[in-house]
Structure formats: structure tokens, C-alpha cells
Amino acid sequence: MHLAAAAGARVISIFGPTPPCERKPLNEGSTAVWKGEDMDCSPCCHDGIFPRCDHVSCLKKITPQEIFNLISGEV
């Protein structure tokens, strides 16, 4: 993700337990997708430690169709 962004590529980055605020690519045209902002358990990653999670709802809320729409520019 970071190498692609450094090379100037448009990047769609998908975030789950880690919020994108400090880790998303900053180049123009890149998009960060994160659905954890409204979840009580998110973000659950703290200091690089990921607790056990049986539901991964933060990732399941991101649909393949949503990513496809971003790729095809239909957003």
C-alpha cells in the first residue's frame, strides 16, 4: 500500500481493527475504507496488539460491491 502510494498509484486501502488516521496513504486519489467508526469495539488494535475477535464486524461491514464501486469510480 505505501510503496504503491509512493510510486504515485491510486490506492484503495481497507482497514479493519486499525483506524486509517495514521496509516492511510496520503497521495491524491487514494481512498481509505474503514467501517469501525460507529462500533463500540473499534478500534481494537492498540500499540500493535490485536485482541482475539470472533466476529470481525469491522471488516464484514465492507462489501465487495463497495470496493468494486470505488475501483470503477461509481461512488
C-alpha atoms as a PDB file:
ATOM      1  CA  MET A   1       0.000   0.000   0.000  1.00  0.00           C
ATOM      2  CA  HIS A   2       2.675   2.519   0.984  1.00  0.00           C
ATOM      3  CA  LEU A   3       5.011   1.559  -1.841  1.00  0.00           C
ATOM      4  CA  ALA A   4       2.220   1.891  -4.374  1.00  0.00           C
ATOM      5  CA  ALA A   5       1.263   5.286  -2.976  1.00  0.00           C
ATOM      6  CA  ALA A   6       4.895   6.430  -3.019  1.00  0.00           C
ATOM      7  CA  ALA A   7       5.063   5.426  -6.678  1.00  0.00           C
ATOM      8  CA  GLY A   8       2.031   7.623  -7.340  1.00  0.00           C
ATOM      9  CA  ALA A   9      -0.535   4.856  -7.799  1.00  0.00           C
ATOM     10  CA  ARG A  10      -4.139   5.343  -6.747  1.00  0.00           C
ATOM     11  CA  VAL A  11      -4.650   3.090  -3.724  1.00  0.00           C
ATOM     12  CA  ILE A  12      -7.822   1.788  -2.111  1.00  0.00           C
ATOM     13  CA  SER A  13      -6.824   0.643   1.353  1.00  0.00           C
ATOM     14  CA  ILE A  14      -9.109  -1.468   3.526  1.00  0.00           C
ATOM     15  CA  PHE A  15      -8.856  -1.092   7.292  1.00  0.00           C
ATOM     16  CA  GLY A  16     -10.442  -3.305   9.937  1.00  0.00           C
ATOM     17  CA  PRO A  17      -9.247  -3.199  13.554  1.00  0.00           C
ATOM     18  CA  THR A  18      -6.763  -0.424  12.815  1.00  0.00           C
ATOM     19  CA  PRO A  19      -8.111   3.085  12.161  1.00  0.00           C
ATOM     20  CA  PRO A  20      -6.744   4.656   8.992  1.00  0.00           C
ATOM     21  CA  CYS A  21      -5.987   8.070  10.508  1.00  0.00           C
ATOM     22  CA  GLU A  22      -2.235   7.476  10.913  1.00  0.00           C
ATOM     23  CA  ARG A  23      -1.680   4.725   8.358  1.00  0.00           C
ATOM     24  CA  LYS A  24      -3.626   5.559   5.215  1.00  0.00           C
ATOM     25  CA  PRO A  25      -1.824   6.644   2.050  1.00  0.00           C
ATOM     26  CA  LEU A  26      -1.748  10.402   1.735  1.00  0.00           C
ATOM     27  CA  ASN A  27      -1.307  10.707  -2.012  1.00  0.00           C
ATOM     28  CA  GLU A  28      -4.064  12.330  -4.038  1.00  0.00           C
ATOM     29  CA  GLY A  29      -6.623   9.919  -5.431  1.00  0.00           C
ATOM     30  CA  SER A  30      -6.167   7.312  -2.723  1.00  0.00           C
ATOM     31  CA  THR A  31      -9.089   6.183  -0.585  1.00  0.00           C
ATOM     32  CA  ALA A  32      -9.220   4.564   2.832  1.00  0.00           C
ATOM     33  CA  VAL A  33     -12.218   2.386   3.684  1.00  0.00           C
ATOM     34  CA  TRP A  34     -12.985   1.818   7.363  1.00  0.00           C
ATOM     35  CA  LYS A  35     -16.315   0.940   8.960  1.00  0.00           C
ATOM     36  CA  GLY A  36     -15.207   0.887  12.576  1.00  0.00           C
ATOM     37  CA  GLU A  37     -16.062   4.460  13.465  1.00  0.00           C
ATOM     38  CA  ASP A  38     -19.541   3.560  14.770  1.00  0.00           C
ATOM     39  CA  MET A  39     -18.588   0.345  16.563  1.00  0.00           C
ATOM     40  CA  ASP A  40     -18.129   0.102  20.327  1.00  0.00           C
ATOM     41  CA  CYS A  41     -15.252  -2.368  19.980  1.00  0.00           C
ATOM     42  CA  SER A  42     -13.334  -0.390  17.376  1.00  0.00           C
ATOM     43  CA  PRO A  43     -10.552   0.414  17.107  1.00  0.00           C
ATOM     44  CA  CYS A  44      -9.402  -2.656  18.944  1.00  0.00           C
ATOM     45  CA  CYS A  45      -5.756  -2.590  17.882  1.00  0.00           C
ATOM     46  CA  HIS A  46      -3.623  -0.819  20.483  1.00  0.00           C
ATOM     47  CA  ASP A  47       0.160  -0.494  20.256  1.00  0.00           C
ATOM     48  CA  GLY A  48       0.297  -3.174  17.557  1.00  0.00           C
ATOM     49  CA  ILE A  49      -1.593  -5.715  19.657  1.00  0.00           C
ATOM     50  CA  PHE A  50      -4.720  -7.258  18.153  1.00  0.00           C
ATOM     51  CA  PRO A  51      -7.073  -8.908  20.660  1.00  0.00           C
ATOM     52  CA  ARG A  52      -8.904 -12.083  19.725  1.00  0.00           C
ATOM     53  CA  CYS A  53     -12.069 -11.268  17.776  1.00  0.00           C
ATOM     54  CA  ASP A  54     -14.760 -13.783  16.902  1.00  0.00           C
ATOM     55  CA  HIS A  55     -16.920 -11.508  14.783  1.00  0.00           C
ATOM     56  CA  VAL A  56     -14.613  -9.198  12.723  1.00  0.00           C
ATOM     57  CA  SER A  57     -17.630  -6.978  12.111  1.00  0.00           C
ATOM     58  CA  CYS A  58     -15.406  -4.062  11.153  1.00  0.00           C
ATOM     59  CA  LEU A  59     -14.287  -5.997   8.068  1.00  0.00           C
ATOM     60  CA  LYS A  60     -17.594  -7.715   7.308  1.00  0.00           C
ATOM     61  CA  LYS A  61     -19.284  -4.314   7.016  1.00  0.00           C
ATOM     62  CA  ILE A  62     -17.105  -3.558   3.972  1.00  0.00           C
ATOM     63  CA  THR A  63     -18.724  -5.195   0.986  1.00  0.00           C
ATOM     64  CA  PRO A  64     -17.061  -6.388  -2.207  1.00  0.00           C
ATOM     65  CA  GLN A  65     -19.584  -4.264  -4.113  1.00  0.00           C
ATOM     66  CA  GLU A  66     -18.441  -1.154  -2.247  1.00  0.00           C
ATOM     67  CA  ILE A  67     -14.825  -1.790  -3.201  1.00  0.00           C
ATOM     68  CA  PHE A  68     -15.791  -2.585  -6.786  1.00  0.00           C
ATOM     69  CA  ASN A  69     -17.688   0.719  -6.955  1.00  0.00           C
ATOM     70  CA  LEU A  70     -14.611   2.563  -5.735  1.00  0.00           C
ATOM     71  CA  ILE A  71     -12.462   0.842  -8.332  1.00  0.00           C
ATOM     72  CA  SER A  72     -14.859   1.621 -11.139  1.00  0.00           C
ATOM     73  CA  GLY A  73     -15.401   5.198  -9.956  1.00  0.00           C
ATOM     74  CA  GLU A  74     -19.117   4.806  -9.237  1.00  0.00           C
ATOM     75  CA  VAL A  75     -19.017   6.409  -5.790  1.00  0.00           C
END
